[in-house]
Amino acid sequence: MRVRKALAAVALSAGLVAGGIASGAGTARAADGCDAIGGHASDRPWIGWNGCVAATDGLWSRFYDGRPQVAWSDELFTAFPYNTGLSISCWLSGPAVQGPWGTSTVWDKVELYEWPGAGASGFTFRTLAVPDAWVYTGSNDPVVPHC
């Protein structure tokens, strides 16, 4: 098991990750201000974060409709800024995405999120999915159960 290094700073040559998943994700930073792991929502201290966006140029999320896996055809929702705290409830299979820690077919089902400096949690009324390859969780293996 490879463990994501706390001081990861990887420059990638591609300007876009396959299918426009990470908009301009040319670099990733895992430890620089990545306080989401084990942190709590600023206005809801009972909500804990188990991931944060590592793509410095932001990470696109897709609506997930409950099918067995995520697909490129799933509608895009928004690009989460770098260091957005994520509450990941479970993981799904999906298209392979190349990230700073390698290629992965794991996608994280996001229930709640908090943009850096926003001071309020975002509640998703439709379930969102993001490629785990661009989310810092402290592990290359899923940190939550399969959906």
N, C-alpha and C. Protein backbone atom coordinates (compact mmCIF):
# COMPACT_ATOMS: atom_id res chain seq x y z
N MET A 1 0.84 -1.18 0.00
CA MET A 1 0.00 0.00 0.00
C MET A 1 0.89 1.25 0.00
N ARG A 2 0.67 2.08 -1.00
CA ARG A 2 1.40 3.33 -1.04
C ARG A 2 0.63 4.38 -0.27
N VAL A 3 1.29 5.08 0.57
CA VAL A 3 0.65 6.13 1.36
C VAL A 3 0.99 7.47 0.73
N ARG A 4 -0.02 8.28 0.57
CA ARG A 4 0.19 9.61 0.00
C ARG A 4 1.10 10.40 0.92
N LYS A 5 2.09 10.97 0.37
CA LYS A 5 3.07 11.72 1.16
C LYS A 5 2.51 13.09 1.54
N ALA A 6 2.76 13.49 2.75
CA ALA A 6 2.24 14.76 3.24
C ALA A 6 2.85 15.95 2.51
N LEU A 7 4.02 15.76 1.94
CA LEU A 7 4.67 16.88 1.26
C LEU A 7 4.60 16.75 -0.26
N ALA A 8 3.55 16.12 -0.77
CA ALA A 8 3.43 15.91 -2.22
C ALA A 8 3.24 17.25 -2.92
N ALA A 9 4.05 17.47 -3.94
CA ALA A 9 3.90 18.62 -4.81
C ALA A 9 4.31 18.14 -6.19
N VAL A 10 3.35 17.77 -6.99
CA VAL A 10 3.64 17.11 -8.25
C VAL A 10 3.19 17.98 -9.41
N ALA A 11 4.10 18.24 -10.33
CA ALA A 11 3.75 18.99 -11.53
C ALA A 11 3.41 18.01 -12.64
N LEU A 12 2.23 18.17 -13.23
CA LEU A 12 1.82 17.29 -14.33
C LEU A 12 1.91 18.07 -15.63
N SER A 13 2.19 17.37 -16.72
CA SER A 13 2.34 18.05 -18.00
C SER A 13 1.01 18.36 -18.65
N ALA A 14 -0.03 17.61 -18.36
CA ALA A 14 -1.32 17.83 -19.01
C ALA A 14 -2.01 19.05 -18.41
N GLY A 15 -2.62 19.84 -19.24
CA GLY A 15 -3.37 20.99 -18.76
C GLY A 15 -4.73 20.62 -18.24
N LEU A 16 -5.30 19.56 -18.77
CA LEU A 16 -6.60 19.08 -18.32
C LEU A 16 -6.53 17.60 -18.05
N VAL A 17 -7.19 17.16 -17.03
CA VAL A 17 -7.28 15.73 -16.77
C VAL A 17 -8.43 15.20 -17.61
N ALA A 18 -8.33 13.97 -18.06
CA ALA A 18 -9.28 13.35 -18.98
C ALA A 18 -10.71 13.81 -18.78
N GLY A 19 -11.33 14.25 -19.87
CA GLY A 19 -12.73 14.62 -19.86
C GLY A 19 -13.04 15.92 -19.14
N GLY A 20 -12.06 16.74 -18.86
CA GLY A 20 -12.32 18.01 -18.20
C GLY A 20 -12.66 17.85 -16.73
N ILE A 21 -12.21 16.78 -16.08
CA ILE A 21 -12.53 16.55 -14.69
C ILE A 21 -11.86 17.58 -13.81
N ALA A 22 -10.59 17.80 -13.99
CA ALA A 22 -9.89 18.80 -13.20
C ALA A 22 -9.49 19.93 -14.13
N SER A 23 -10.11 21.05 -13.96
CA SER A 23 -9.86 22.17 -14.84
C SER A 23 -8.47 22.73 -14.62
N GLY A 24 -7.60 22.56 -15.61
CA GLY A 24 -6.26 23.11 -15.53
C GLY A 24 -5.46 22.60 -14.36
N ALA A 25 -5.71 21.38 -13.93
CA ALA A 25 -5.04 20.83 -12.75
C ALA A 25 -3.60 20.48 -13.08
N GLY A 26 -2.76 21.49 -13.16
CA GLY A 26 -1.38 21.26 -13.52
C GLY A 26 -0.51 20.87 -12.35
N THR A 27 -0.95 21.16 -11.15
CA THR A 27 -0.18 20.81 -9.96
C THR A 27 -1.12 20.35 -8.86
N ALA A 28 -0.53 19.71 -7.88
CA ALA A 28 -1.29 19.30 -6.70
C ALA A 28 -0.45 19.59 -5.47
N ARG A 29 -1.11 20.01 -4.42
CA ARG A 29 -0.44 20.20 -3.15
C ARG A 29 -1.27 19.48 -2.11
N ALA A 30 -0.66 18.60 -1.38
CA ALA A 30 -1.41 17.81 -0.41
C ALA A 30 -1.33 18.35 1.00
N ALA A 31 -0.24 18.96 1.38
CA ALA A 31 -0.08 19.34 2.77
C ALA A 31 -0.17 20.85 3.00
N ASP A 32 0.08 21.61 1.96
CA ASP A 32 0.08 23.06 2.08
C ASP A 32 -1.30 23.57 2.47
N GLY A 33 -1.56 23.71 3.73
CA GLY A 33 -2.85 24.24 4.16
C GLY A 33 -3.97 23.23 4.09
N CYS A 34 -3.66 21.97 3.84
CA CYS A 34 -4.69 20.95 3.73
C CYS A 34 -5.12 20.53 5.14
N ASP A 35 -5.93 21.38 5.74
CA ASP A 35 -6.35 21.13 7.11
C ASP A 35 -7.68 20.41 7.19
N ALA A 36 -8.20 19.98 6.05
CA ALA A 36 -9.52 19.36 6.04
C ALA A 36 -9.53 17.99 6.70
N ILE A 37 -8.47 17.21 6.55
CA ILE A 37 -8.46 15.87 7.11
C ILE A 37 -8.56 15.95 8.63
N GLY A 38 -9.63 15.42 9.17
CA GLY A 38 -9.84 15.45 10.62
C GLY A 38 -10.38 16.77 11.13
N GLY A 39 -10.50 17.76 10.25
CA GLY A 39 -11.05 19.05 10.66
C GLY A 39 -12.57 19.00 10.68
N HIS A 40 -13.17 20.10 11.05
CA HIS A 40 -14.63 20.16 11.15
C HIS A 40 -15.16 21.39 10.43
N ALA A 41 -16.40 21.30 10.00
CA ALA A 41 -17.05 22.43 9.34
C ALA A 41 -17.04 23.63 10.28
N SER A 42 -16.77 24.81 9.73
CA SER A 42 -16.62 26.00 10.56
C SER A 42 -17.91 26.35 11.31
N ASP A 43 -19.06 26.09 10.72
CA ASP A 43 -20.30 26.46 11.39
C ASP A 43 -21.10 25.25 11.87
N ARG A 44 -20.57 24.05 11.66
CA ARG A 44 -21.22 22.81 12.10
C ARG A 44 -20.15 21.86 12.63
N PRO A 45 -19.70 22.07 13.87
CA PRO A 45 -18.56 21.30 14.40
C PRO A 45 -18.79 19.80 14.50
N TRP A 46 -20.01 19.33 14.36
CA TRP A 46 -20.28 17.89 14.41
C TRP A 46 -20.01 17.22 13.06
N ILE A 47 -19.76 18.02 12.01
CA ILE A 47 -19.45 17.47 10.69
C ILE A 47 -17.94 17.44 10.50
N GLY A 48 -17.39 16.26 10.24
CA GLY A 48 -15.96 16.13 10.04
C GLY A 48 -15.61 15.94 8.58
N TRP A 49 -14.44 16.40 8.20
CA TRP A 49 -13.95 16.25 6.82
C TRP A 49 -12.97 15.09 6.75
N ASN A 50 -13.08 14.28 5.70
CA ASN A 50 -12.14 13.17 5.50
C ASN A 50 -11.43 13.27 4.16
N GLY A 51 -11.48 14.44 3.54
CA GLY A 51 -10.76 14.66 2.29
C GLY A 51 -10.71 16.14 1.97
N CYS A 52 -9.79 16.51 1.08
CA CYS A 52 -9.77 17.88 0.57
C CYS A 52 -9.21 17.87 -0.85
N VAL A 53 -9.63 18.86 -1.61
CA VAL A 53 -9.23 18.98 -3.01
C VAL A 53 -7.75 19.33 -3.08
N ALA A 54 -7.00 18.50 -3.82
CA ALA A 54 -5.56 18.71 -3.95
C ALA A 54 -5.19 19.39 -5.27
N ALA A 55 -6.13 19.50 -6.20
CA ALA A 55 -5.87 20.13 -7.49
C ALA A 55 -5.82 21.64 -7.30
N THR A 56 -4.66 22.24 -7.54
CA THR A 56 -4.49 23.67 -7.28
C THR A 56 -5.37 24.54 -8.18
N ASP A 57 -5.76 24.04 -9.34
CA ASP A 57 -6.62 24.81 -10.24
C ASP A 57 -8.09 24.45 -10.10
N GLY A 58 -8.44 23.65 -9.11
CA GLY A 58 -9.82 23.28 -8.88
C GLY A 58 -10.14 21.89 -9.41
N LEU A 59 -11.24 21.34 -8.94
CA LEU A 59 -11.65 19.98 -9.30
C LEU A 59 -13.13 19.95 -9.60
N TRP A 60 -13.47 19.52 -10.81
CA TRP A 60 -14.87 19.44 -11.21
C TRP A 60 -15.57 18.29 -10.51
N SER A 61 -16.80 18.53 -10.09
CA SER A 61 -17.64 17.48 -9.54
C SER A 61 -18.73 17.16 -10.56
N ARG A 62 -19.24 15.94 -10.49
CA ARG A 62 -20.31 15.50 -11.38
C ARG A 62 -21.50 15.06 -10.55
N PHE A 63 -22.72 15.30 -11.08
CA PHE A 63 -23.90 14.76 -10.44
C PHE A 63 -23.87 13.25 -10.60
N TYR A 64 -24.24 12.55 -9.56
CA TYR A 64 -24.27 11.10 -9.58
C TYR A 64 -25.71 10.67 -9.33
N ASP A 65 -26.26 9.85 -10.24
CA ASP A 65 -27.68 9.52 -10.17
C ASP A 65 -27.99 8.16 -9.55
N GLY A 66 -27.05 7.55 -8.89
CA GLY A 66 -27.32 6.29 -8.20
C GLY A 66 -27.03 5.03 -9.01
N ARG A 67 -26.58 5.18 -10.25
CA ARG A 67 -26.21 4.00 -11.05
C ARG A 67 -25.01 3.32 -10.40
N PRO A 68 -24.67 2.11 -10.83
CA PRO A 68 -23.56 1.39 -10.20
C PRO A 68 -22.21 2.09 -10.30
N GLN A 69 -22.03 2.98 -11.28
CA GLN A 69 -20.75 3.68 -11.37
C GLN A 69 -20.92 5.04 -12.02
N VAL A 70 -19.93 5.90 -11.82
CA VAL A 70 -19.90 7.23 -12.40
C VAL A 70 -19.53 7.10 -13.87
N ALA A 71 -20.06 8.01 -14.71
CA ALA A 71 -19.77 7.98 -16.15
C ALA A 71 -19.38 9.38 -16.62
N TRP A 72 -18.60 9.44 -17.70
CA TRP A 72 -18.21 10.73 -18.28
C TRP A 72 -19.44 11.53 -18.69
N SER A 73 -20.54 10.85 -18.99
CA SER A 73 -21.75 11.54 -19.44
C SER A 73 -22.53 12.18 -18.29
N ASP A 74 -22.15 11.90 -17.04
CA ASP A 74 -22.82 12.53 -15.90
C ASP A 74 -22.58 14.03 -15.94
N GLU A 75 -23.61 14.79 -15.64
CA GLU A 75 -23.57 16.25 -15.72
C GLU A 75 -22.56 16.85 -14.75
N LEU A 76 -21.80 17.84 -15.24
CA LEU A 76 -20.86 18.58 -14.38
C LEU A 76 -21.65 19.50 -13.46
N PHE A 77 -21.18 19.66 -12.22
CA PHE A 77 -21.85 20.55 -11.27
C PHE A 77 -21.06 21.83 -11.08
N THR A 78 -19.91 21.73 -10.44
CA THR A 78 -19.09 22.91 -10.18
C THR A 78 -17.65 22.47 -9.98
N ALA A 79 -16.74 23.42 -10.09
CA ALA A 79 -15.34 23.14 -9.80
C ALA A 79 -15.07 23.58 -8.37
N PHE A 80 -14.66 22.64 -7.53
CA PHE A 80 -14.31 22.96 -6.16
C PHE A 80 -12.91 23.56 -6.14
N PRO A 81 -12.71 24.68 -5.45
CA PRO A 81 -11.38 25.26 -5.35
C PRO A 81 -10.41 24.37 -4.57
N TYR A 82 -9.14 24.62 -4.77
CA TYR A 82 -8.09 23.93 -4.02
C TYR A 82 -8.38 24.04 -2.53
N ASN A 83 -8.17 22.94 -1.81
CA ASN A 83 -8.29 22.84 -0.36
C ASN A 83 -9.74 22.87 0.14
N THR A 84 -10.72 22.66 -0.76
CA THR A 84 -12.10 22.53 -0.31
C THR A 84 -12.21 21.29 0.56
N GLY A 85 -12.79 21.43 1.75
CA GLY A 85 -13.01 20.30 2.63
C GLY A 85 -14.17 19.47 2.12
N LEU A 86 -14.01 18.14 2.10
CA LEU A 86 -15.04 17.25 1.60
C LEU A 86 -15.44 16.24 2.67
N SER A 87 -16.73 15.97 2.74
CA SER A 87 -17.24 14.89 3.57
C SER A 87 -17.61 13.76 2.61
N ILE A 88 -16.75 12.76 2.55
CA ILE A 88 -16.92 11.63 1.62
C ILE A 88 -17.65 10.52 2.36
N SER A 89 -18.80 10.10 1.83
CA SER A 89 -19.60 9.09 2.52
C SER A 89 -19.28 7.67 2.07
N CYS A 90 -18.94 7.49 0.79
CA CYS A 90 -18.61 6.17 0.27
C CYS A 90 -17.92 6.37 -1.08
N TRP A 91 -17.43 5.27 -1.68
CA TRP A 91 -16.74 5.40 -2.96
C TRP A 91 -17.45 4.58 -4.03
N LEU A 92 -17.26 5.01 -5.28
CA LEU A 92 -17.86 4.39 -6.46
C LEU A 92 -16.77 4.07 -7.47
N SER A 93 -17.08 3.20 -8.39
CA SER A 93 -16.19 2.98 -9.53
C SER A 93 -16.55 3.99 -10.62
N GLY A 94 -15.59 4.29 -11.45
CA GLY A 94 -15.83 5.22 -12.55
C GLY A 94 -14.68 5.20 -13.52
N PRO A 95 -14.70 6.11 -14.49
CA PRO A 95 -13.62 6.18 -15.47
C PRO A 95 -12.27 6.43 -14.80
N ALA A 96 -11.23 5.89 -15.38
CA ALA A 96 -9.88 6.09 -14.85
C ALA A 96 -9.46 7.55 -15.01
N VAL A 97 -8.87 8.09 -13.95
CA VAL A 97 -8.39 9.47 -13.96
C VAL A 97 -6.95 9.46 -13.46
N GLN A 98 -6.08 10.16 -14.18
CA GLN A 98 -4.68 10.30 -13.80
C GLN A 98 -4.55 11.47 -12.84
N GLY A 99 -3.95 11.23 -11.69
CA GLY A 99 -3.75 12.28 -10.70
C GLY A 99 -2.32 12.27 -10.21
N PRO A 100 -2.01 13.08 -9.22
CA PRO A 100 -0.64 13.20 -8.73
C PRO A 100 -0.11 11.93 -8.07
N TRP A 101 -0.99 11.03 -7.65
CA TRP A 101 -0.55 9.80 -6.99
C TRP A 101 -0.77 8.58 -7.89
N GLY A 102 -1.00 8.81 -9.17
CA GLY A 102 -1.21 7.71 -10.11
C GLY A 102 -2.61 7.74 -10.71
N THR A 103 -2.95 6.67 -11.41
CA THR A 103 -4.25 6.54 -12.05
C THR A 103 -5.19 5.77 -11.13
N SER A 104 -6.43 6.22 -11.06
CA SER A 104 -7.40 5.58 -10.18
C SER A 104 -8.78 5.54 -10.84
N THR A 105 -9.54 4.48 -10.56
CA THR A 105 -10.93 4.38 -10.99
C THR A 105 -11.88 4.59 -9.81
N VAL A 106 -11.33 5.03 -8.67
CA VAL A 106 -12.13 5.31 -7.48
C VAL A 106 -12.66 6.74 -7.57
N TRP A 107 -13.96 6.88 -7.34
CA TRP A 107 -14.61 8.19 -7.29
C TRP A 107 -15.24 8.33 -5.91
N ASP A 108 -15.14 9.52 -5.32
CA ASP A 108 -15.66 9.77 -3.98
C ASP A 108 -17.04 10.40 -4.06
N LYS A 109 -18.00 9.82 -3.33
CA LYS A 109 -19.35 10.38 -3.23
C LYS A 109 -19.32 11.45 -2.15
N VAL A 110 -19.56 12.69 -2.54
CA VAL A 110 -19.46 13.84 -1.65
C VAL A 110 -20.84 14.23 -1.16
N GLU A 111 -20.99 14.27 0.15
CA GLU A 111 -22.27 14.66 0.75
C GLU A 111 -22.28 16.14 1.14
N LEU A 112 -21.17 16.62 1.68
CA LEU A 112 -21.05 18.00 2.12
C LEU A 112 -19.69 18.54 1.73
N TYR A 113 -19.58 19.85 1.59
CA TYR A 113 -18.30 20.46 1.25
C TYR A 113 -18.24 21.86 1.84
N GLU A 114 -17.01 22.35 2.01
CA GLU A 114 -16.80 23.71 2.51
C GLU A 114 -15.63 24.33 1.78
N TRP A 115 -15.89 25.35 1.00
CA TRP A 115 -14.83 26.04 0.29
C TRP A 115 -13.97 26.80 1.28
N PRO A 116 -12.66 26.87 1.02
CA PRO A 116 -11.77 27.59 1.93
C PRO A 116 -12.22 29.03 2.13
N GLY A 117 -12.30 29.45 3.39
CA GLY A 117 -12.69 30.81 3.70
C GLY A 117 -14.16 31.11 3.58
N ALA A 118 -14.97 30.12 3.17
CA ALA A 118 -16.40 30.37 2.96
C ALA A 118 -17.14 30.52 4.28
N GLY A 119 -16.71 29.76 5.29
CA GLY A 119 -17.35 29.87 6.59
C GLY A 119 -18.70 29.20 6.69
N ALA A 120 -19.14 28.51 5.65
CA ALA A 120 -20.41 27.80 5.70
C ALA A 120 -20.30 26.53 4.88
N SER A 121 -20.95 25.50 5.34
CA SER A 121 -20.91 24.22 4.63
C SER A 121 -21.87 24.24 3.46
N GLY A 122 -21.49 23.57 2.38
CA GLY A 122 -22.38 23.42 1.24
C GLY A 122 -23.10 22.10 1.35
N PHE A 123 -24.40 22.14 1.28
CA PHE A 123 -25.17 20.92 1.33
C PHE A 123 -25.62 20.58 -0.07
N THR A 124 -25.35 19.38 -0.51
CA THR A 124 -25.72 18.96 -1.85
C THR A 124 -27.11 18.35 -1.82
N PHE A 125 -27.98 18.84 -2.67
CA PHE A 125 -29.32 18.29 -2.77
C PHE A 125 -29.35 17.16 -3.78
N ARG A 126 -28.35 17.10 -4.61
CA ARG A 126 -28.12 15.97 -5.49
C ARG A 126 -26.72 15.47 -5.15
N THR A 127 -26.55 14.18 -5.21
CA THR A 127 -25.26 13.62 -4.83
C THR A 127 -24.20 13.95 -5.86
N LEU A 128 -23.00 14.27 -5.39
CA LEU A 128 -21.89 14.62 -6.26
C LEU A 128 -20.80 13.56 -6.16
N ALA A 129 -20.02 13.44 -7.22
CA ALA A 129 -18.88 12.53 -7.23
C ALA A 129 -17.67 13.26 -7.79
N VAL A 130 -16.51 13.01 -7.19
CA VAL A 130 -15.25 13.59 -7.67
C VAL A 130 -14.22 12.47 -7.78
N PRO A 131 -13.27 12.58 -8.71
CA PRO A 131 -12.24 11.54 -8.83
C PRO A 131 -11.28 11.57 -7.64
N ASP A 132 -11.15 10.42 -6.99
CA ASP A 132 -10.27 10.31 -5.83
C ASP A 132 -8.82 10.62 -6.17
N ALA A 133 -8.46 10.48 -7.43
CA ALA A 133 -7.08 10.75 -7.85
C ALA A 133 -6.66 12.19 -7.56
N TRP A 134 -7.61 13.10 -7.37
CA TRP A 134 -7.30 14.51 -7.10
C TRP A 134 -7.80 14.96 -5.73
N VAL A 135 -8.09 13.98 -4.85
CA VAL A 135 -8.54 14.30 -3.50
C VAL A 135 -7.52 13.75 -2.51
N TYR A 136 -7.04 14.61 -1.61
CA TYR A 136 -6.12 14.17 -0.58
C TYR A 136 -6.92 13.58 0.57
N THR A 137 -6.68 12.29 0.85
CA THR A 137 -7.37 11.61 1.95
C THR A 137 -6.38 11.01 2.94
N GLY A 138 -5.11 11.03 2.61
CA GLY A 138 -4.10 10.42 3.45
C GLY A 138 -3.77 9.00 3.06
N SER A 139 -4.45 8.47 2.03
CA SER A 139 -4.23 7.09 1.60
C SER A 139 -4.53 6.95 0.12
N ASN A 140 -3.86 6.01 -0.53
CA ASN A 140 -4.18 5.70 -1.92
C ASN A 140 -5.33 4.72 -2.02
N ASP A 141 -5.69 4.11 -0.89
CA ASP A 141 -6.84 3.21 -0.84
C ASP A 141 -8.06 4.00 -0.40
N PRO A 142 -9.26 3.52 -0.74
CA PRO A 142 -10.47 4.22 -0.27
C PRO A 142 -10.47 4.31 1.26
N VAL A 143 -10.94 5.45 1.78
CA VAL A 143 -10.98 5.65 3.23
C VAL A 143 -12.40 5.49 3.78
N VAL A 144 -13.33 5.15 2.90
CA VAL A 144 -14.73 4.94 3.26
C VAL A 144 -15.20 3.65 2.59
N PRO A 145 -16.34 3.09 3.02
CA PRO A 145 -16.83 1.86 2.39
C PRO A 145 -17.32 2.10 0.96
N HIS A 146 -17.45 1.03 0.20
CA HIS A 146 -18.02 1.09 -1.15
C HIS A 146 -19.51 1.42 -1.03
N CYS A 147 -20.03 2.21 -1.95
CA CYS A 147 -21.45 2.60 -1.91
C CYS A 147 -22.36 1.41 -2.16
